[in-house]
Protein backbone atom coordinates (compact mmCIF):
# COMPACT_ATOMS: atom_id res chain seq x y z
CA MET A 1 -29.55 36.41 -36.55
CA LYS A 2 -30.57 34.09 -39.35
CA HIS A 3 -28.22 32.88 -42.05
CA GLN A 4 -27.85 35.34 -44.89
CA GLN A 5 -27.04 34.76 -48.52
CA ILE A 6 -23.50 35.91 -49.24
CA ASN A 7 -23.30 38.12 -52.32
CA ARG A 8 -19.52 38.03 -52.62
CA PRO A 9 -16.76 35.56 -51.83
CA ILE A 10 -15.75 35.26 -48.19
CA ARG A 11 -12.46 37.11 -47.72
CA VAL A 12 -9.84 35.51 -45.45
CA LEU A 13 -6.44 36.87 -44.46
CA VAL A 14 -3.93 34.08 -43.74
CA ALA A 15 -0.89 35.18 -41.77
CA LYS A 16 2.30 33.96 -40.10
CA VAL A 17 3.15 36.10 -37.06
CA GLY A 18 6.57 36.39 -35.45
CA LEU A 19 9.77 34.57 -36.26
CA ASP A 20 8.16 31.26 -37.23
CA GLY A 21 9.60 30.58 -40.68
CA HIS A 22 7.58 27.49 -41.62
CA ASP A 23 4.76 28.41 -43.97
CA ARG A 24 3.92 25.19 -45.83
CA GLY A 25 0.80 24.61 -43.72
CA ALA A 26 -0.38 28.20 -44.16
CA LYS A 27 0.02 27.89 -47.93
CA VAL A 28 -1.89 24.58 -47.96
CA ILE A 29 -4.73 26.19 -45.99
CA ALA A 30 -4.74 29.25 -48.26
CA MET A 31 -5.04 27.05 -51.35
CA ALA A 32 -7.78 24.92 -49.75
CA LEU A 33 -9.80 28.01 -48.84
CA ARG A 34 -9.41 29.33 -52.40
CA ASP A 35 -10.56 25.95 -53.72
CA ALA A 36 -13.62 26.29 -51.46
CA GLY A 37 -14.49 29.56 -53.21
CA MET A 38 -13.01 32.05 -50.76
CA GLU A 39 -10.83 35.00 -51.61
CA VAL A 40 -7.55 34.60 -49.70
CA ILE A 41 -4.91 37.20 -48.91
CA TYR A 42 -1.66 35.62 -47.70
CA THR A 43 0.60 38.07 -45.88
CA GLY A 44 3.75 35.98 -45.93
CA LEU A 45 6.22 35.37 -43.13
CA ARG A 46 7.31 37.39 -40.11
CA GLN A 47 4.30 39.64 -39.68
CA THR A 48 3.62 41.58 -36.49
CA PRO A 49 0.15 41.52 -34.91
CA GLU A 50 -0.22 45.18 -35.93
CA MET A 51 0.65 44.39 -39.55
CA VAL A 52 -1.91 41.57 -39.63
CA VAL A 53 -4.75 43.66 -38.20
CA ASN A 54 -3.96 46.64 -40.43
CA ALA A 55 -3.89 44.39 -43.51
CA ALA A 56 -7.19 42.82 -42.45
CA LEU A 57 -8.77 46.27 -42.15
CA GLN A 58 -7.42 47.39 -45.52
CA GLU A 59 -8.61 44.21 -47.23
CA ASP A 60 -12.04 44.25 -45.50
CA VAL A 61 -11.77 40.58 -44.57
CA ASP A 62 -14.38 38.40 -42.92
CA ALA A 63 -11.82 36.23 -41.14
CA ILE A 64 -8.19 36.17 -40.07
CA GLY A 65 -6.39 32.83 -39.91
CA ILE A 66 -3.11 32.71 -38.00
CA SER A 67 -0.74 29.79 -38.54
CA ILE A 68 1.57 29.38 -35.57
CA LEU A 69 4.13 26.69 -34.93
CA SER A 70 6.58 28.63 -32.76
CA GLY A 71 4.90 28.13 -29.39
CA ALA A 72 4.04 31.84 -29.08
CA HIS A 73 0.30 31.26 -29.51
CA MET A 74 -0.58 32.46 -25.98
CA THR A 75 1.07 35.81 -26.78
CA VAL A 76 0.35 36.26 -30.49
CA LEU A 77 -3.33 35.29 -30.67
CA PRO A 78 -4.46 37.42 -27.68
CA LYS A 79 -2.47 40.39 -29.05
CA VAL A 80 -4.11 40.11 -32.49
CA PHE A 81 -7.51 39.72 -30.81
CA GLN A 82 -6.90 42.78 -28.60
CA LEU A 83 -5.91 44.89 -31.64
CA MET A 84 -9.01 43.69 -33.51
CA LYS A 85 -11.21 44.78 -30.59
CA ALA A 86 -9.47 48.17 -30.45
CA LYS A 87 -10.30 48.67 -34.16
CA GLN A 88 -13.95 47.57 -33.63
CA MET A 89 -13.47 44.43 -35.74
CA ASP A 90 -16.03 42.59 -33.61
CA ASP A 91 -17.63 40.86 -36.60
CA VAL A 92 -14.36 39.44 -37.97
CA LEU A 93 -13.43 35.87 -37.08
CA LEU A 94 -10.00 35.21 -35.59
CA THR A 95 -9.13 31.55 -36.10
CA GLY A 96 -5.94 29.64 -36.68
CA GLY A 97 -4.00 26.55 -36.09
CA GLY A 98 -0.68 24.90 -35.59
CA ILE A 99 1.15 23.38 -32.66
CA ILE A 100 -1.19 24.45 -29.86
CA PRO A 101 -1.87 22.22 -26.84
CA GLU A 102 -5.55 21.37 -26.28
CA GLU A 103 -5.68 23.20 -22.93
CA ASP A 104 -4.28 26.36 -24.56
CA MET A 105 -6.86 26.07 -27.37
CA LYS A 106 -9.62 25.98 -24.76
CA GLU A 107 -8.21 29.00 -22.91
CA LEU A 108 -7.87 31.02 -26.13
CA GLN A 109 -11.42 30.14 -27.16
CA SER A 110 -12.71 31.19 -23.72
CA MET A 111 -11.24 34.66 -24.50
CA GLY A 112 -13.43 34.87 -27.62
CA ILE A 113 -10.96 33.62 -30.21
CA GLY A 114 -12.53 31.25 -32.74
CA ARG A 115 -11.94 27.56 -33.16
CA LEU A 116 -8.30 26.51 -33.50
CA PHE A 117 -7.11 23.56 -35.56
CA ALA A 118 -4.32 21.07 -34.89
CA PRO A 119 -1.97 19.76 -37.60
CA GLY A 120 -3.75 17.23 -39.77
CA ALA A 121 -7.19 18.82 -39.45
CA PRO A 122 -9.12 18.28 -42.69
CA THR A 123 -9.02 21.44 -44.80
CA SER A 124 -12.69 20.90 -45.67
CA GLU A 125 -13.52 21.13 -41.94
CA ILE A 126 -11.63 24.42 -41.65
CA ALA A 127 -13.35 25.87 -44.73
CA GLU A 128 -16.78 24.76 -43.48
CA TYR A 129 -16.16 26.31 -40.06
CA ILE A 130 -15.20 29.67 -41.61
CA MET A 131 -18.18 29.64 -44.00
CA GLN A 132 -20.66 28.84 -41.22
CA TRP A 133 -19.18 31.44 -38.85
CA VAL A 134 -19.26 34.18 -41.50
CA GLN A 135 -22.83 33.37 -42.56
CA LYS A 136 -23.93 33.52 -38.92
CA ASN A 137 -21.95 36.58 -37.77
CA ARG A 138 -21.38 38.93 -40.71
CA SER A 139 -23.88 41.29 -42.35
CA PHE A 140 -23.85 41.57 -46.14
């Protein structure tokens, strides 16, 4: 599929799943994505995977970004991904970042989850990744 011109802002849902109460990074990413011209929905703290996927469906997002620092990434990200597949959200990007060991990032990506970012990743790199993925994979 060739790149398509986007006729509306890219919509991204940024979420914190589970008991992880640290949301500074998620808020920084949300602001950076807004500054890059995206429409961002931030769900706040202590969301369940079901809440995230339902919100993403309701908001008709192009991408879901999960911020995770709690160490539960190998449970949370596959669960969100599984729920997305069950709801036929095959053309929605699941990406994220936080404290995730490199080998776990590789395993999650081999499942079909999008690129994951470590702390300190340039926000411009994250925004560019989302924009390129959406242009390549979403129909407008």
